[in-house]
Amino acid sequence: MPKIDEYLRAMLEQGGSDLHISVGNQVKIRAGGSLQPITKGELTHVVAEQLMREIVSEDRWQHYQDTHDLDFAYEIEGLARFRGSYLYNHWGMAAVFRQIPANILSFDDLNLPPVLKQVCEYKEGLVLVTGPTGSGKSTTLAAMMDYINSNYCKHIITIEDPVEFVHPRKKSVIVHREVGIHSDSFANALRGAMRADPDIVLVGEMRELETIRLALSCASMGMLVFGTLHTNNAPKTIDRIIDAFPADEQQQIRIMLAGSLSCVVSQLLCKKVPKGRVAVHEILLKHDALPNTIRTGKISAVRGIIESSSKDGMCLMDNSIMQRFKAGEITAEEAYMKAMEKERFKNLAAV
């Protein structure tokens, strides 16, 4: 058994979500949102290399040595899957492993807003799930794919780096493609998907200009495209997509985005009382005023669209946070720290 399995098992036993390995530091886990050590001694370069090298192929290890970055999926058979990320920092080698739940959690398990089931029924358009690293974007997307898989006969292609959730055979046909193994880039995998008669394309991360461009093209061609971005709310998500392009292309991109954007779900995780974590959401859906708002660049009006459409299932992040606070699920301090408009939450917390 690889030595690193001992640490991963210990992490799971203590309810952790992430394992952190770094030369010059103790081995640590993230549990309940906080980092805590599970070893006393600091890792040496030799020990860290042994831990990390043992579980990857020679080709992947060489790639890590050449580029100083490596992403992959790792499985302890019969226990759990993990997303591994190798990197270098100031002190040398480092790695982070995040647990991928063995079972795909459902809408009810995650307490997701019911309106997202309606989003799963869309026939076309661009659906973005956004949030910072570790906010549960992949878990939410997996629940949405599972809902579609359980209720509709669709051809779904997922493009990820690495493949995280492997969906069982239900009503849909799901093809998982991993960048680096099944294709050399997100862009090339997306080009292939456009020729493979998909109903739905899931792009694990829209981080490069060409990937964003092709995802917009797929949505404009009548496919339903799901993707993720590292943004905290709907207006910033729209700005992030437009700003990714050169200035001379941005007006054309506004037109494409105005015609294809169907939903933005921004998600944050808050520390739950007494323990665990709970998600809060900002949701932007289709609206008659949205296309013109995007085309004219008046992105500041998006918040008004969301606020005036709560009856349709839209929700501002701060309103979602306030609901969790009033329900007693999060503390006043946590609500204040996660809120965008701090003034509204200032009197709730002793700050």
Protein backbone atom coordinates (compact mmCIF):
# COMPACT_ATOMS: atom_id res chain seq x y z
CA MET A 1 0.00 0.00 0.00
CA PRO A 2 1.40 3.42 -0.92
CA LYS A 3 2.47 5.42 2.11
CA ILE A 4 0.27 8.34 1.11
CA ASP A 5 -2.81 6.13 1.51
CA GLU A 6 -2.24 6.18 5.28
CA TYR A 7 -2.58 9.95 5.34
CA LEU A 8 -5.61 9.93 3.04
CA ARG A 9 -7.32 7.34 5.23
CA ALA A 10 -6.52 9.38 8.33
CA MET A 11 -8.01 12.45 6.65
CA LEU A 12 -11.26 10.63 5.93
CA GLU A 13 -11.46 9.19 9.44
CA GLN A 14 -11.20 12.72 10.87
CA GLY A 15 -13.84 14.12 8.52
CA GLY A 16 -11.39 16.07 6.39
CA SER A 17 -11.84 17.18 2.81
CA ASP A 18 -8.26 18.04 1.73
CA LEU A 19 -4.77 16.69 2.42
CA HIS A 20 -1.82 19.12 2.22
CA ILE A 21 1.76 17.96 1.69
CA SER A 22 4.66 20.40 1.47
CA VAL A 23 8.40 20.21 2.05
CA GLY A 24 9.29 21.87 5.36
CA ASN A 25 5.77 21.54 6.79
CA GLN A 26 3.77 19.00 8.71
CA VAL A 27 1.22 16.94 6.80
CA LYS A 28 -2.08 18.75 7.30
CA ILE A 29 -5.76 18.20 6.57
CA ARG A 30 -8.64 20.61 6.13
CA ALA A 31 -11.52 19.66 8.40
CA GLY A 32 -14.52 21.89 9.04
CA GLY A 33 -12.93 24.58 6.92
CA SER A 34 -9.73 24.81 9.02
CA LEU A 35 -6.24 23.36 8.51
CA GLN A 36 -4.82 21.10 11.22
CA PRO A 37 -1.67 18.93 11.35
CA ILE A 38 -1.85 15.14 11.47
CA THR A 39 1.92 14.59 11.84
CA LYS A 40 4.49 16.11 14.20
CA GLY A 41 7.62 16.18 12.09
CA GLU A 42 8.23 18.38 9.06
CA LEU A 43 8.52 16.69 5.67
CA THR A 44 11.94 16.51 4.05
CA HIS A 45 12.45 16.71 0.30
CA VAL A 46 13.30 12.99 0.15
CA VAL A 47 10.16 11.89 2.03
CA ALA A 48 7.87 14.22 0.06
CA GLU A 49 9.26 12.91 -3.23
CA GLN A 50 8.73 9.31 -2.13
CA LEU A 51 5.11 10.03 -1.15
CA MET A 52 4.28 11.80 -4.37
CA ARG A 53 6.21 9.72 -6.88
CA GLU A 54 4.88 6.38 -5.68
CA ILE A 55 1.35 6.89 -6.99
CA VAL A 56 1.93 8.31 -10.49
CA SER A 57 3.32 6.83 -13.69
CA GLU A 58 6.80 7.69 -14.94
CA ASP A 59 5.31 9.76 -17.76
CA ARG A 60 3.27 11.85 -15.36
CA TRP A 61 6.19 12.24 -12.96
CA GLN A 62 8.37 13.46 -15.82
CA HIS A 63 5.63 15.93 -16.82
CA TYR A 64 5.61 17.22 -13.23
CA GLN A 65 9.38 17.58 -13.26
CA ASP A 66 9.27 19.46 -16.56
CA THR A 67 6.34 21.79 -15.84
CA HIS A 68 6.22 21.83 -12.02
CA ASP A 69 2.45 21.22 -12.21
CA LEU A 70 0.33 18.08 -12.45
CA ASP A 71 -3.39 17.39 -11.99
CA PHE A 72 -4.77 13.86 -11.85
CA ALA A 73 -7.34 11.60 -10.20
CA TYR A 74 -6.29 8.99 -7.64
CA GLU A 75 -8.38 6.20 -6.16
CA ILE A 76 -8.09 4.00 -3.10
CA GLU A 77 -10.17 1.09 -4.32
CA GLY A 78 -13.23 0.47 -2.25
CA LEU A 79 -12.75 3.66 -0.24
CA ALA A 80 -12.67 6.94 -2.18
CA ARG A 81 -11.41 8.94 -5.16
CA PHE A 82 -9.27 12.05 -4.87
CA ARG A 83 -8.27 14.93 -7.11
CA GLY A 84 -4.51 15.32 -6.83
CA SER A 85 -2.64 18.52 -7.63
CA TYR A 86 1.18 18.56 -7.62
CA LEU A 87 3.06 21.86 -7.61
CA TYR A 88 6.30 23.51 -6.56
CA ASN A 89 6.54 26.36 -4.07
CA HIS A 90 9.33 28.36 -2.41
CA TRP A 91 10.42 25.37 -0.30
CA GLY A 92 10.12 22.67 -2.96
CA MET A 93 7.59 19.98 -3.81
CA ALA A 94 4.00 20.21 -2.61
CA ALA A 95 0.71 18.45 -3.21
CA VAL A 96 -2.96 18.82 -2.35
CA PHE A 97 -5.50 15.99 -2.49
CA ARG A 98 -9.22 16.69 -2.36
CA GLN A 99 -11.73 13.95 -1.71
CA ILE A 100 -14.23 13.26 -4.47
CA PRO A 101 -17.36 11.81 -2.84
CA ALA A 102 -17.77 8.14 -3.71
CA ASN A 103 -21.50 8.65 -4.21
CA ILE A 104 -22.84 11.52 -6.29
CA LEU A 105 -24.92 13.65 -3.95
CA SER A 106 -28.45 14.53 -5.03
CA PHE A 107 -30.32 17.83 -5.04
CA ASP A 108 -31.90 16.87 -1.71
CA ASP A 109 -28.57 15.80 -0.20
CA LEU A 110 -27.05 19.19 -1.04
CA ASN A 111 -30.22 21.20 -0.35
CA LEU A 112 -29.81 22.93 -3.70
CA PRO A 113 -32.35 25.58 -4.77
CA PRO A 114 -35.24 23.77 -6.52
CA VAL A 115 -35.11 26.21 -9.45
CA LEU A 116 -31.90 24.51 -10.60
CA LYS A 117 -34.02 21.50 -11.63
CA GLN A 118 -35.68 23.79 -14.16
CA VAL A 119 -32.22 24.79 -15.41
CA CYS A 120 -31.46 21.10 -16.00
CA GLU A 121 -34.46 21.00 -18.35
CA TYR A 122 -33.08 23.71 -20.64
CA LYS A 123 -32.49 22.62 -24.23
CA GLU A 124 -29.68 25.05 -25.05
CA GLY A 125 -27.61 27.90 -23.72
CA LEU A 126 -24.68 28.51 -21.38
CA VAL A 127 -25.01 27.60 -17.70
CA LEU A 128 -22.17 28.67 -15.41
CA VAL A 129 -21.50 27.45 -11.88
CA THR A 130 -19.03 29.81 -10.25
CA GLY A 131 -17.21 30.36 -6.99
CA PRO A 132 -13.75 30.28 -5.42
CA THR A 133 -11.66 27.13 -5.19
CA GLY A 134 -13.21 24.68 -2.72
CA SER A 135 -16.72 26.13 -2.92
CA GLY A 136 -18.34 22.90 -4.17
CA LYS A 137 -18.79 23.83 -7.83
CA SER A 138 -17.95 20.32 -9.05
CA THR A 139 -20.29 18.72 -6.51
CA THR A 140 -23.17 20.96 -7.57
CA LEU A 141 -22.52 20.27 -11.26
CA ALA A 142 -22.38 16.54 -10.55
CA ALA A 143 -25.79 16.71 -8.84
CA MET A 144 -27.23 18.53 -11.86
CA MET A 145 -25.75 15.98 -14.28
CA ASP A 146 -27.11 13.15 -12.13
CA TYR A 147 -30.58 14.73 -12.20
CA ILE A 148 -30.45 14.90 -15.99
CA ASN A 149 -29.04 11.37 -16.19
CA SER A 150 -31.87 10.06 -14.00
CA ASN A 151 -34.71 11.79 -15.82
CA TYR A 152 -33.78 12.40 -19.47
CA CYS A 153 -32.29 10.53 -22.41
CA LYS A 154 -29.41 12.82 -23.37
CA HIS A 155 -25.94 12.48 -24.88
CA ILE A 156 -23.63 14.18 -22.38
CA ILE A 157 -19.90 14.79 -22.94
CA THR A 158 -17.82 15.93 -19.97
CA ILE A 159 -14.38 17.47 -20.49
CA GLU A 160 -12.36 17.65 -17.27
CA ASP A 161 -8.84 17.84 -15.89
CA PRO A 162 -9.00 15.37 -14.26
CA VAL A 163 -12.30 13.44 -14.44
CA GLU A 164 -13.78 13.67 -10.96
CA PHE A 165 -17.27 12.18 -10.75
CA VAL A 166 -17.85 9.06 -12.84
CA HIS A 167 -21.57 8.83 -13.55
CA PRO A 168 -23.24 5.40 -13.68
CA ARG A 169 -25.35 4.32 -16.63
CA LYS A 170 -28.93 5.52 -16.22
CA LYS A 171 -31.14 7.12 -18.89
CA SER A 172 -28.45 9.22 -20.55
CA VAL A 173 -25.28 8.33 -22.41
CA ILE A 174 -22.37 10.02 -20.62
CA VAL A 175 -18.90 10.18 -22.16
CA HIS A 176 -16.08 11.30 -19.84
CA ARG A 177 -12.99 12.81 -21.49
CA GLU A 178 -9.89 13.73 -19.50
CA VAL A 179 -7.53 16.44 -20.72
CA GLY A 180 -4.01 15.03 -20.92
CA ILE A 181 -5.23 11.47 -21.54
CA HIS A 182 -8.12 11.59 -24.04
CA SER A 183 -7.23 14.99 -25.51
CA ASP A 184 -4.29 17.35 -25.21
CA SER A 185 -6.34 20.45 -24.31
CA PHE A 186 -9.80 21.68 -23.34
CA ALA A 187 -10.02 23.51 -26.67
CA ASN A 188 -9.30 20.43 -28.79
CA ALA A 189 -11.67 18.30 -26.70
CA LEU A 190 -14.40 20.92 -27.22
CA ARG A 191 -13.78 20.94 -30.97
CA GLY A 192 -14.19 17.17 -30.95
CA ALA A 193 -17.36 17.43 -28.88
CA MET A 194 -18.91 19.80 -31.42
CA ARG A 195 -18.71 16.98 -34.00
CA ALA A 196 -19.97 14.23 -31.69
CA ASP A 197 -23.70 15.05 -31.65
CA PRO A 198 -23.96 16.03 -27.97
CA ASP A 199 -27.06 17.39 -26.27
CA ILE A 200 -25.01 18.61 -23.31
CA VAL A 201 -21.34 19.50 -22.92
CA LEU A 202 -19.76 19.99 -19.50
CA VAL A 203 -16.48 21.92 -19.43
CA GLY A 204 -14.68 21.33 -16.15
CA GLU A 205 -13.00 24.73 -16.14
CA MET A 206 -13.27 27.64 -18.58
CA ARG A 207 -9.88 29.17 -17.82
CA GLU A 208 -8.44 29.87 -21.28
CA LEU A 209 -9.67 32.31 -23.92
CA GLU A 210 -10.01 29.66 -26.63
CA THR A 211 -12.00 27.39 -24.30
CA ILE A 212 -14.39 30.22 -23.45
CA ARG A 213 -14.75 31.09 -27.15
CA LEU A 214 -15.57 27.51 -28.12
CA ALA A 215 -17.99 27.06 -25.20
CA LEU A 216 -19.88 30.16 -26.37
CA SER A 217 -19.89 28.77 -29.92
CA CYS A 218 -21.33 25.45 -28.74
CA ALA A 219 -24.07 27.24 -26.80
CA SER A 220 -24.83 29.43 -29.84
CA MET A 221 -25.13 26.27 -31.98
CA GLY A 222 -28.00 24.95 -29.85
CA MET A 223 -26.19 22.82 -27.29
CA LEU A 224 -26.61 23.09 -23.54
CA VAL A 225 -23.17 23.91 -22.14
CA PHE A 226 -22.25 23.75 -18.46
CA GLY A 227 -19.01 25.30 -17.25
CA THR A 228 -17.25 26.72 -14.20
CA LEU A 229 -15.46 29.97 -13.46
CA HIS A 230 -13.68 31.34 -10.39
CA THR A 231 -15.98 34.32 -9.81
CA ASN A 232 -18.11 35.19 -6.79
CA ASN A 233 -21.30 36.61 -8.32
CA ALA A 234 -23.25 36.97 -11.55
CA PRO A 235 -22.08 40.48 -12.64
CA LYS A 236 -18.41 39.55 -12.11
CA THR A 237 -18.98 36.36 -14.11
CA ILE A 238 -20.29 38.29 -17.10
CA ASP A 239 -17.43 40.79 -16.86
CA ARG A 240 -14.88 37.98 -16.54
CA ILE A 241 -16.01 36.35 -19.80
CA ILE A 242 -16.04 39.62 -21.75
CA ASP A 243 -12.74 40.86 -20.31
CA ALA A 244 -11.02 37.61 -21.31
CA PHE A 245 -11.13 38.78 -24.94
CA PRO A 246 -9.14 41.53 -26.68
CA ALA A 247 -10.86 44.92 -26.77
CA ASP A 248 -11.63 44.70 -30.50
CA GLU A 249 -13.56 41.44 -29.99
CA GLN A 250 -15.52 42.37 -26.89
CA GLN A 251 -18.58 43.81 -28.62
CA GLN A 252 -19.01 40.63 -30.67
CA ILE A 253 -18.59 38.54 -27.50
CA ARG A 254 -21.25 40.63 -25.73
CA ILE A 255 -23.63 39.80 -28.57
CA MET A 256 -22.82 36.07 -28.39
CA LEU A 257 -23.10 36.02 -24.61
CA ALA A 258 -26.36 37.99 -24.67
CA GLY A 259 -27.85 35.38 -26.96
CA SER A 260 -26.61 32.31 -25.10
CA LEU A 261 -26.30 32.99 -21.35
CA SER A 262 -29.06 31.04 -19.64
CA CYS A 263 -28.01 30.83 -16.00
CA VAL A 264 -25.28 31.81 -13.54
CA VAL A 265 -25.12 30.00 -10.20
CA SER A 266 -22.53 31.52 -7.87
CA GLN A 267 -21.78 29.48 -4.78
CA LEU A 268 -19.92 29.95 -1.49
CA LEU A 269 -19.48 27.57 1.44
CA CYS A 270 -20.08 28.87 4.96
CA LYS A 271 -19.13 27.25 8.26
CA LYS A 272 -22.29 25.66 9.62
CA VAL A 273 -23.48 25.65 13.24
CA PRO A 274 -22.43 23.53 15.10
CA LYS A 275 -20.15 21.91 12.50
CA GLY A 276 -19.85 21.17 8.81
CA ARG A 277 -20.47 23.57 5.95
CA VAL A 278 -23.50 24.90 4.12
CA ALA A 279 -23.77 26.46 0.65
CA VAL A 280 -25.17 29.90 -0.16
CA HIS A 281 -26.06 30.91 -3.70
CA GLU A 282 -26.59 33.78 -6.10
CA ILE A 283 -28.78 32.77 -9.05
CA LEU A 284 -29.30 34.63 -12.33
CA LEU A 285 -31.78 33.09 -14.78
CA LYS A 286 -33.11 33.98 -18.22
CA HIS A 287 -34.88 37.34 -18.23
CA ASP A 288 -36.26 39.56 -20.99
CA ALA A 289 -34.02 42.45 -19.92
CA LEU A 290 -30.81 40.43 -19.61
CA PRO A 291 -29.71 40.22 -23.30
CA ASN A 292 -29.89 44.00 -23.80
CA THR A 293 -28.14 44.58 -20.48
CA ILE A 294 -25.22 42.44 -21.65
CA ARG A 295 -25.12 43.87 -25.18
CA THR A 296 -24.98 47.46 -23.92
CA GLY A 297 -22.43 46.68 -21.21
CA LYS A 298 -24.69 47.88 -18.37
CA ILE A 299 -23.64 44.99 -16.15
CA SER A 300 -24.39 46.94 -12.97
CA ALA A 301 -28.10 46.48 -13.82
CA VAL A 302 -27.82 42.70 -13.38
CA ARG A 303 -28.24 42.98 -9.60
CA GLY A 304 -31.51 44.83 -10.16
CA ILE A 305 -32.75 42.08 -12.48
CA ILE A 306 -32.00 39.44 -9.84
CA GLU A 307 -33.54 41.45 -6.99
CA SER A 308 -36.78 42.10 -8.87
CA SER A 309 -37.18 38.45 -9.94
CA SER A 310 -37.03 36.58 -6.65
CA LYS A 311 -40.46 35.09 -7.36
CA ASP A 312 -38.91 33.34 -10.39
CA GLY A 313 -36.20 31.72 -8.27
CA MET A 314 -33.45 34.31 -8.68
CA CYS A 315 -31.52 35.26 -5.56
CA LEU A 316 -28.75 37.64 -4.52
CA MET A 317 -25.83 36.15 -2.57
CA ASP A 318 -26.35 38.44 0.43
CA ASN A 319 -30.04 37.46 0.63
CA SER A 320 -29.07 33.78 0.63
CA ILE A 321 -26.55 34.44 3.41
CA MET A 322 -29.17 36.30 5.44
CA GLN A 323 -31.61 33.40 5.05
CA ARG A 324 -29.01 30.97 6.40
CA PHE A 325 -28.28 33.29 9.32
CA LYS A 326 -31.95 33.71 10.23
CA ALA A 327 -32.38 29.94 10.06
CA GLY A 328 -29.61 29.58 12.65
CA GLU A 329 -27.37 27.66 10.27
CA ILE A 330 -24.46 30.14 10.30
CA THR A 331 -23.14 32.61 12.86
CA ALA A 332 -23.37 36.39 12.58
CA GLU A 333 -19.60 36.58 12.17
CA GLU A 334 -19.62 34.07 9.31
CA ALA A 335 -22.47 35.93 7.62
CA TYR A 336 -20.53 39.21 7.87
CA MET A 337 -17.31 37.69 6.53
CA LYS A 338 -19.01 36.16 3.47
CA ALA A 339 -21.32 39.09 2.66
CA MET A 340 -20.64 41.50 -0.20
CA GLU A 341 -22.39 44.50 1.36
CA LYS A 342 -20.79 44.47 4.80
CA GLU A 343 -22.83 47.43 6.07
CA ARG A 344 -26.02 45.39 5.92
CA PHE A 345 -24.48 42.73 8.18
CA LYS A 346 -22.42 44.98 10.46
CA ASN A 347 -24.96 45.07 13.28
CA LEU A 348 -25.28 41.28 13.30
CA ALA A 349 -21.70 40.61 14.31
CA ALA A 350 -19.41 41.93 17.02
CA VAL A 351 -16.79 43.40 14.66
